[in-house]
Amino acid sequence: MLEVRDVRVGYGDSVVIDSMSLDVAEGEFVVVIGPNGHGKSTLLRAISGLLPLKKGSINYRGQRIDNLATEQIVARGLVQIPQGDMLFPDMSVQENLLLGAFVHPDRAARAARLAEVYELFPKLSERSSQQARTLSGGERRMLALGRGLMTRADLLMIDEPSLGLAPVLVDEVYERIAQIAKSGITVLLVEENFAHVREVADRVILIENGGVVLAGTVDEVLENEAVTATYLGIGGE
């Protein structure tokens, strides 16, 4: 479904990711783990078209997308939920959600999608007329996820959904993300804390210094004691 091949990307003259390759199959829940500042968010920005490649290629459903504008990539069904949510604070919950449907002008389809989002996130339905700025941290995170779903994404890229949330809220957000994955949407999720993802991931990709250190199932990653002790802070199992 998604193929990243020999990608080099960075900011200005600085290279953050170099010669990175990875795949995401349709229906997979893939988690990218790694230390802070080592290229996880940069990877998502490159896939989303927000950062130009210095080298390599990115293909989605067999077609090259690294030469497309971000809105064209979104229209193809590949959507990023950014770190920090990036909501419009003075707009209502429902207005924020509807902005996610800008690439789909069909009103009936948009209304049906909105109903699905409200079913998945009942709190958003209850607060549909409230300004986004009045929501709690967990509710803002759910609103960001809901807005991504309004695009009718086939592949949802989620950047550190646990960031800044209390543990009980992290659990609730991950329950919703697991439901999203079970609905058939492919998920590529970036996270720093392995404990949050070990129960939901089909596959884990460990990166450091802009390169892939290890990739495999959760069990395969946990079997490598040196890697788990160094990168995950736990012993092998």
C-alpha atoms as a PDB file:
ATOM      1  CA  MET A   1       0.000   0.000   0.000  1.00  0.00           C
ATOM      2  CA  LEU A   2       2.753   2.454   1.029  1.00  0.00           C
ATOM      3  CA  GLU A   3       6.333   2.087  -0.158  1.00  0.00           C
ATOM      4  CA  VAL A   4       9.125   4.379   1.055  1.00  0.00           C
ATOM      5  CA  ARG A   5      12.318   3.752  -0.871  1.00  0.00           C
ATOM      6  CA  ASP A   6      15.838   4.994  -0.082  1.00  0.00           C
ATOM      7  CA  VAL A   7      14.512   8.326   1.171  1.00  0.00           C
ATOM      8  CA  ARG A   8      16.712  11.219   2.227  1.00  0.00           C
ATOM      9  CA  VAL A   9      14.982  14.263   3.719  1.00  0.00           C
ATOM     10  CA  GLY A  10      15.737  17.129   6.065  1.00  0.00           C
ATOM     11  CA  TYR A  11      15.483  20.850   6.675  1.00  0.00           C
ATOM     12  CA  GLY A  12      17.614  23.168   4.560  1.00  0.00           C
ATOM     13  CA  ASP A  13      21.111  21.710   4.370  1.00  0.00           C
ATOM     14  CA  SER A  14      20.491  19.450   7.372  1.00  0.00           C
ATOM     15  CA  VAL A  15      19.723  15.767   6.688  1.00  0.00           C
ATOM     16  CA  VAL A  16      17.457  14.076   9.256  1.00  0.00           C
ATOM     17  CA  ILE A  17      16.571  10.865   7.401  1.00  0.00           C
ATOM     18  CA  ASP A  18      19.048   9.156   5.091  1.00  0.00           C
ATOM     19  CA  SER A  19      18.503   6.093   2.895  1.00  0.00           C
ATOM     20  CA  MET A  20      15.387   4.972   4.780  1.00  0.00           C
ATOM     21  CA  SER A  21      13.074   2.344   3.291  1.00  0.00           C
ATOM     22  CA  LEU A  22       9.898   0.827   4.720  1.00  0.00           C
ATOM     23  CA  ASP A  23       6.563  -0.679   3.649  1.00  0.00           C
ATOM     24  CA  VAL A  24       3.053  -0.593   5.068  1.00  0.00           C
ATOM     25  CA  ALA A  25       0.609  -3.230   3.819  1.00  0.00           C
ATOM     26  CA  GLU A  26      -3.112  -2.612   3.528  1.00  0.00           C
ATOM     27  CA  GLY A  27      -4.915  -3.247   6.818  1.00  0.00           C
ATOM     28  CA  GLU A  28      -1.732  -3.189   8.910  1.00  0.00           C
ATOM     29  CA  PHE A  29      -1.207  -1.308  12.161  1.00  0.00           C
ATOM     30  CA  VAL A  30       2.444  -0.276  11.928  1.00  0.00           C
ATOM     31  CA  VAL A  31       4.185   1.654  14.698  1.00  0.00           C
ATOM     32  CA  VAL A  32       7.408   3.636  14.242  1.00  0.00           C
ATOM     33  CA  ILE A  33       9.337   3.814  17.512  1.00  0.00           C
ATOM     34  CA  GLY A  34      12.507   5.727  18.280  1.00  0.00           C
ATOM     35  CA  PRO A  35      14.176   8.379  20.426  1.00  0.00           C
ATOM     36  CA  ASN A  36      12.959  11.949  20.261  1.00  0.00           C
ATOM     37  CA  GLY A  37      14.540  13.954  17.450  1.00  0.00           C
ATOM     38  CA  HIS A  38      15.663  11.004  15.335  1.00  0.00           C
ATOM     39  CA  GLY A  39      13.329  11.400  12.356  1.00  0.00           C
ATOM     40  CA  LYS A  40       9.920   9.957  13.245  1.00  0.00           C
ATOM     41  CA  SER A  41       7.867  13.093  12.653  1.00  0.00           C
ATOM     42  CA  THR A  42      10.069  14.078   9.726  1.00  0.00           C
ATOM     43  CA  LEU A  43       9.185  10.775   8.065  1.00  0.00           C
ATOM     44  CA  LEU A  44       5.459  11.516   8.311  1.00  0.00           C
ATOM     45  CA  ARG A  45       5.924  15.057   7.002  1.00  0.00           C
ATOM     46  CA  ALA A  46       7.813  13.707   3.995  1.00  0.00           C
ATOM     47  CA  ILE A  47       5.106  11.146   3.235  1.00  0.00           C
ATOM     48  CA  SER A  48       2.450  13.873   3.569  1.00  0.00           C
ATOM     49  CA  GLY A  49       4.221  16.093   1.055  1.00  0.00           C
ATOM     50  CA  LEU A  50       5.117  18.746   3.616  1.00  0.00           C
ATOM     51  CA  LEU A  51       8.863  18.208   3.132  1.00  0.00           C
ATOM     52  CA  PRO A  52      10.497  17.671  -0.281  1.00  0.00           C
ATOM     53  CA  LEU A  53      12.710  14.633  -0.736  1.00  0.00           C
ATOM     54  CA  LYS A  54      16.410  15.110  -1.356  1.00  0.00           C
ATOM     55  CA  LYS A  55      16.597  11.548  -2.651  1.00  0.00           C
ATOM     56  CA  GLY A  56      14.410   8.454  -3.044  1.00  0.00           C
ATOM     57  CA  SER A  57      10.726   7.909  -3.753  1.00  0.00           C
ATOM     58  CA  ILE A  58       7.382   7.375  -2.026  1.00  0.00           C
ATOM     59  CA  ASN A  59       4.627   5.306  -3.654  1.00  0.00           C
ATOM     60  CA  TYR A  60       1.027   4.921  -2.502  1.00  0.00           C
ATOM     61  CA  ARG A  61      -1.160   2.224  -4.039  1.00  0.00           C
ATOM     62  CA  GLY A  62       1.391   1.776  -6.803  1.00  0.00           C
ATOM     63  CA  GLN A  63       1.611   5.447  -7.773  1.00  0.00           C
ATOM     64  CA  ARG A  64       4.379   7.868  -6.942  1.00  0.00           C
ATOM     65  CA  ILE A  65       3.240  10.670  -4.602  1.00  0.00           C
ATOM     66  CA  ASP A  66       6.413  12.491  -3.557  1.00  0.00           C
ATOM     67  CA  ASN A  67       5.901  14.904  -6.459  1.00  0.00           C
ATOM     68  CA  LEU A  68       2.334  15.799  -5.368  1.00  0.00           C
ATOM     69  CA  ALA A  69       1.019  18.652  -3.238  1.00  0.00           C
ATOM     70  CA  THR A  70      -0.260  17.754   0.231  1.00  0.00           C
ATOM     71  CA  GLU A  71      -3.916  18.319  -0.691  1.00  0.00           C
ATOM     72  CA  GLN A  72      -3.533  15.926  -3.623  1.00  0.00           C
ATOM     73  CA  ILE A  73      -2.092  13.284  -1.308  1.00  0.00           C
ATOM     74  CA  VAL A  74      -4.974  13.780   1.144  1.00  0.00           C
ATOM     75  CA  ALA A  75      -7.484  13.422  -1.709  1.00  0.00           C
ATOM     76  CA  ARG A  76      -5.966  10.003  -2.463  1.00  0.00           C
ATOM     77  CA  GLY A  77      -6.769   8.836   1.064  1.00  0.00           C
ATOM     78  CA  LEU A  78      -3.448   9.267   2.877  1.00  0.00           C
ATOM     79  CA  VAL A  79      -3.936  11.586   5.854  1.00  0.00           C
ATOM     80  CA  GLN A  80      -1.710  12.743   8.722  1.00  0.00           C
ATOM     81  CA  ILE A  81      -2.892  13.583  12.250  1.00  0.00           C
ATOM     82  CA  PRO A  82      -0.133  15.994  13.313  1.00  0.00           C
ATOM     83  CA  GLN A  83       1.580  16.209  16.670  1.00  0.00           C
ATOM     84  CA  GLY A  84      -0.137  18.879  18.759  1.00  0.00           C
ATOM     85  CA  ASP A  85      -3.495  18.400  16.970  1.00  0.00           C
ATOM     86  CA  MET A  86      -3.394  21.686  14.957  1.00  0.00           C
ATOM     87  CA  LEU A  87      -7.057  22.507  15.571  1.00  0.00           C
ATOM     88  CA  PHE A  88      -8.816  25.797  14.869  1.00  0.00           C
ATOM     89  CA  PRO A  89      -9.432  26.894  18.476  1.00  0.00           C
ATOM     90  CA  ASP A  90     -12.126  29.516  17.831  1.00  0.00           C
ATOM     91  CA  MET A  91     -14.189  27.238  15.606  1.00  0.00           C
ATOM     92  CA  SER A  92     -16.683  24.741  16.967  1.00  0.00           C
ATOM     93  CA  VAL A  93     -16.061  21.019  17.225  1.00  0.00           C
ATOM     94  CA  GLN A  94     -18.377  20.373  14.281  1.00  0.00           C
ATOM     95  CA  GLU A  95     -16.797  23.104  12.159  1.00  0.00           C
ATOM     96  CA  ASN A  96     -13.363  21.571  12.777  1.00  0.00           C
ATOM     97  CA  LEU A  97     -14.689  18.166  11.756  1.00  0.00           C
ATOM     98  CA  LEU A  98     -16.322  19.463   8.590  1.00  0.00           C
ATOM     99  CA  LEU A  99     -13.053  21.081   7.527  1.00  0.00           C
ATOM    100  CA  GLY A 100     -11.670  17.562   7.320  1.00  0.00           C
ATOM    101  CA  ALA A 101     -14.205  16.779   4.589  1.00  0.00           C
ATOM    102  CA  PHE A 102     -13.152  19.593   2.258  1.00  0.00           C
ATOM    103  CA  VAL A 103     -11.910  17.135  -0.377  1.00  0.00           C
ATOM    104  CA  HIS A 104     -15.324  15.432  -0.531  1.00  0.00           C
ATOM    105  CA  PRO A 105     -18.068  17.875  -1.608  1.00  0.00           C
ATOM    106  CA  ASP A 106     -20.911  15.319  -1.545  1.00  0.00           C
ATOM    107  CA  ARG A 107     -23.178  16.525   1.286  1.00  0.00           C
ATOM    108  CA  ALA A 108     -24.864  13.168   1.912  1.00  0.00           C
ATOM    109  CA  ALA A 109     -21.527  11.361   2.182  1.00  0.00           C
ATOM    110  CA  ARG A 110     -20.199  14.106   4.466  1.00  0.00           C
ATOM    111  CA  ALA A 111     -23.224  13.834   6.767  1.00  0.00           C
ATOM    112  CA  ALA A 112     -22.896  10.055   6.917  1.00  0.00           C
ATOM    113  CA  ARG A 113     -19.215  10.346   7.773  1.00  0.00           C
ATOM    114  CA  LEU A 114     -19.960  12.904  10.484  1.00  0.00           C
ATOM    115  CA  ALA A 115     -22.474  10.500  12.034  1.00  0.00           C
ATOM    116  CA  GLU A 116     -19.827   7.749  12.042  1.00  0.00           C
ATOM    117  CA  VAL A 117     -17.303  10.030  13.756  1.00  0.00           C
ATOM    118  CA  TYR A 118     -19.845  11.014  16.413  1.00  0.00           C
ATOM    119  CA  GLU A 119     -20.635   7.347  17.004  1.00  0.00           C
ATOM    120  CA  LEU A 120     -16.944   6.586  17.531  1.00  0.00           C
ATOM    121  CA  PHE A 121     -16.407   9.701  19.676  1.00  0.00           C
ATOM    122  CA  PRO A 122     -19.630  10.360  21.630  1.00  0.00           C
ATOM    123  CA  LYS A 123     -17.981  13.179  23.590  1.00  0.00           C
ATOM    124  CA  LEU A 124     -17.511  15.111  20.375  1.00  0.00           C
ATOM    125  CA  SER A 125     -21.211  14.808  19.626  1.00  0.00           C
ATOM    126  CA  GLU A 126     -22.036  16.150  23.081  1.00  0.00           C
ATOM    127  CA  ARG A 127     -19.694  19.107  22.515  1.00  0.00           C
ATOM    128  CA  SER A 128     -20.385  19.678  18.819  1.00  0.00           C
ATOM    129  CA  SER A 129     -21.244  23.372  19.259  1.00  0.00           C
ATOM    130  CA  GLN A 130     -18.399  24.177  21.684  1.00  0.00           C
ATOM    131  CA  GLN A 131     -15.274  25.983  20.588  1.00  0.00           C
ATOM    132  CA  ALA A 132     -12.320  23.630  20.218  1.00  0.00           C
ATOM    133  CA  ARG A 133     -10.358  25.714  22.739  1.00  0.00           C
ATOM    134  CA  THR A 134     -12.768  24.646  25.511  1.00  0.00           C
ATOM    135  CA  LEU A 135     -12.015  20.931  25.155  1.00  0.00           C
ATOM    136  CA  SER A 136      -9.771  18.896  27.430  1.00  0.00           C
ATOM    137  CA  GLY A 137      -6.485  17.522  26.125  1.00  0.00           C
ATOM    138  CA  GLY A 138      -7.966  14.096  25.476  1.00  0.00           C
ATOM    139  CA  GLU A 139     -10.999  15.570  23.723  1.00  0.00           C
ATOM    140  CA  ARG A 140      -8.772  17.699  21.487  1.00  0.00           C
ATOM    141  CA  ARG A 141      -6.833  14.592  20.521  1.00  0.00           C
ATOM    142  CA  MET A 142     -10.075  12.819  19.659  1.00  0.00           C
ATOM    143  CA  LEU A 143     -11.205  15.821  17.621  1.00  0.00           C
ATOM    144  CA  ALA A 144      -7.971  15.693  15.630  1.00  0.00           C
ATOM    145  CA  LEU A 145      -8.536  11.971  14.986  1.00  0.00           C
ATOM    146  CA  GLY A 146     -12.145  12.614  14.026  1.00  0.00           C
ATOM    147  CA  ARG A 147     -11.161  15.360  11.587  1.00  0.00           C
ATOM    148  CA  GLY A 148      -8.716  12.943   9.968  1.00  0.00           C
ATOM    149  CA  LEU A 149     -11.469  10.356   9.601  1.00  0.00           C
ATOM    150  CA  MET A 150     -13.716  12.944   7.921  1.00  0.00           C
ATOM    151  CA  THR A 151     -11.337  12.863   4.954  1.00  0.00           C
ATOM    152  CA  ARG A 152     -12.362   9.222   4.386  1.00  0.00           C
ATOM    153  CA  ALA A 153      -8.734   8.184   4.826  1.00  0.00           C
ATOM    154  CA  ASP A 154      -7.564   4.739   3.755  1.00  0.00           C
ATOM    155  CA  LEU A 155      -4.250   5.193   5.573  1.00  0.00           C
ATOM    156  CA  LEU A 156      -4.136   7.312   8.711  1.00  0.00           C
ATOM    157  CA  MET A 157      -0.723   8.519   9.915  1.00  0.00           C
ATOM    158  CA  ILE A 158      -0.821   9.525  13.585  1.00  0.00           C
ATOM    159  CA  ASP A 159       2.023  11.458  15.211  1.00  0.00           C
ATOM    160  CA  GLU A 160       2.549  10.747  18.957  1.00  0.00           C
ATOM    161  CA  PRO A 161      -1.079  10.651  20.149  1.00  0.00           C
ATOM    162  CA  SER A 162       0.023  10.168  23.784  1.00  0.00           C
ATOM    163  CA  LEU A 163       2.002  13.430  23.879  1.00  0.00           C
ATOM    164  CA  GLY A 164       1.051  15.572  26.885  1.00  0.00           C
ATOM    165  CA  LEU A 165      -1.831  13.378  28.026  1.00  0.00           C
ATOM    166  CA  ALA A 166      -2.430  11.817  31.438  1.00  0.00           C
ATOM    167  CA  PRO A 167      -2.146   7.983  31.443  1.00  0.00           C
ATOM    168  CA  VAL A 168      -5.910   7.439  31.758  1.00  0.00           C
ATOM    169  CA  LEU A 169      -6.502   9.656  28.713  1.00  0.00           C
ATOM    170  CA  VAL A 170      -3.770   7.878  26.753  1.00  0.00           C
ATOM    171  CA  ASP A 171      -5.578   4.583  27.341  1.00  0.00           C
ATOM    172  CA  GLU A 172      -8.853   6.069  26.098  1.00  0.00           C
ATOM    173  CA  VAL A 173      -7.266   7.566  22.983  1.00  0.00           C
ATOM    174  CA  TYR A 174      -5.564   4.278  22.136  1.00  0.00           C
ATOM    175  CA  GLU A 175      -8.831   2.396  22.564  1.00  0.00           C
ATOM    176  CA  ARG A 176     -10.326   4.649  19.884  1.00  0.00           C
ATOM    177  CA  ILE A 177      -7.308   4.232  17.613  1.00  0.00           C
ATOM    178  CA  ALA A 178      -7.635   0.452  17.949  1.00  0.00           C
ATOM    179  CA  GLN A 179     -11.297   0.766  16.932  1.00  0.00           C
ATOM    180  CA  ILE A 180     -10.285   2.821  13.902  1.00  0.00           C
ATOM    181  CA  ALA A 181      -7.824   0.111  12.866  1.00  0.00           C
ATOM    182  CA  LYS A 182     -10.445  -2.619  13.333  1.00  0.00           C
ATOM    183  CA  SER A 183     -12.780  -0.716  10.990  1.00  0.00           C
ATOM    184  CA  GLY A 184     -10.366  -1.497   8.153  1.00  0.00           C
ATOM    185  CA  ILE A 185      -8.331   1.706   8.031  1.00  0.00           C
ATOM    186  CA  THR A 186      -4.579   1.174   7.745  1.00  0.00           C
ATOM    187  CA  VAL A 187      -2.620   2.921  10.510  1.00  0.00           C
ATOM    188  CA  LEU A 188       0.968   4.187  10.541  1.00  0.00           C
ATOM    189  CA  LEU A 189       1.612   5.572  14.016  1.00  0.00           C
ATOM    190  CA  VAL A 190       4.653   7.332  15.460  1.00  0.00           C
ATOM    191  CA  GLU A 191       5.272   6.922  19.187  1.00  0.00           C
ATOM    192  CA  GLU A 192       8.153   7.288  21.609  1.00  0.00           C
ATOM    193  CA  ASN A 193       6.748   5.066  24.380  1.00  0.00           C
ATOM    194  CA  PHE A 194       6.666   1.391  23.432  1.00  0.00           C
ATOM    195  CA  ALA A 195       4.362   0.508  26.330  1.00  0.00           C
ATOM    196  CA  HIS A 196       1.480   2.313  24.639  1.00  0.00           C
ATOM    197  CA  VAL A 197       1.642   0.341  21.400  1.00  0.00           C
ATOM    198  CA  ARG A 198       2.768  -3.184  22.171  1.00  0.00           C
ATOM    199  CA  GLU A 199      -0.828  -4.452  22.481  1.00  0.00           C
ATOM    200  CA  VAL A 200      -2.109  -2.914  19.238  1.00  0.00           C
ATOM    201  CA  ALA A 201       0.759  -3.035  16.725  1.00  0.00           C
ATOM    202  CA  ASP A 202       0.954  -5.655  13.973  1.00  0.00           C
ATOM    203  CA  ARG A 203       4.501  -4.570  13.229  1.00  0.00           C
ATOM    204  CA  VAL A 204       7.109  -2.290  14.820  1.00  0.00           C
ATOM    205  CA  ILE A 205       9.771  -0.287  12.994  1.00  0.00           C
ATOM    206  CA  LEU A 206      12.565   0.986  15.221  1.00  0.00           C
ATOM    207  CA  ILE A 207      14.503   4.002  13.940  1.00  0.00           C
ATOM    208  CA  GLU A 208      17.517   5.946  15.168  1.00  0.00           C
ATOM    209  CA  ASN A 209      19.586   8.695  13.567  1.00  0.00           C
ATOM    210  CA  GLY A 210      17.289   8.717  10.557  1.00  0.00           C
ATOM    211  CA  GLY A 211      17.641   5.021   9.740  1.00  0.00           C
ATOM    212  CA  VAL A 212      15.811   1.774  10.420  1.00  0.00           C
ATOM    213  CA  VAL A 213      17.433  -0.220  13.229  1.00  0.00           C
ATOM    214  CA  LEU A 214      14.977  -3.122  13.351  1.00  0.00           C
ATOM    215  CA  ALA A 215      11.602  -4.065  11.888  1.00  0.00           C
ATOM    216  CA  GLY A 216       9.337  -6.952  12.783  1.00  0.00           C
ATOM    217  CA  THR A 217       6.355  -8.082  14.800  1.00  0.00           C
ATOM    218  CA  VAL A 218       6.137  -7.082  18.458  1.00  0.00           C
ATOM    219  CA  ASP A 219       7.322 -10.559  19.472  1.00  0.00           C
ATOM    220  CA  GLU A 220      10.261 -10.421  17.061  1.00  0.00           C
ATOM    221  CA  VAL A 221      11.337  -7.045  18.409  1.00  0.00           C
ATOM    222  CA  LEU A 222      11.048  -8.211  22.007  1.00  0.00           C
ATOM    223  CA  GLU A 223      13.210 -11.252  21.255  1.00  0.00           C
ATOM    224  CA  ASN A 224      16.178  -8.970  20.570  1.00  0.00           C
ATOM    225  CA  GLU A 225      17.414  -8.271  24.103  1.00  0.00           C
ATOM    226  CA  ALA A 226      20.109  -5.796  23.066  1.00  0.00           C
ATOM    227  CA  VAL A 227      17.636  -3.727  21.093  1.00  0.00           C
ATOM    228  CA  THR A 228      14.913  -3.790  23.730  1.00  0.00           C
ATOM    229  CA  ALA A 229      17.327  -2.794  26.492  1.00  0.00           C
ATOM    230  CA  THR A 230      18.892   0.016  24.445  1.00  0.00           C
ATOM    231  CA  TYR A 231      15.887   1.450  22.661  1.00  0.00           C
ATOM    232  CA  LEU A 232      12.829   0.351  24.595  1.00  0.00           C
ATOM    233  CA  GLY A 233      14.156   0.423  28.143  1.00  0.00           C
ATOM    234  CA  ILE A 234      13.069  -3.142  28.909  1.00  0.00           C
ATOM    235  CA  GLY A 235      14.612  -6.570  28.913  1.00  0.00           C
ATOM    236  CA  GLY A 236      13.859  -9.202  26.271  1.00  0.00           C
ATOM    237  CA  GLU A 237      10.897 -11.473  26.790  1.00  0.00           C
END
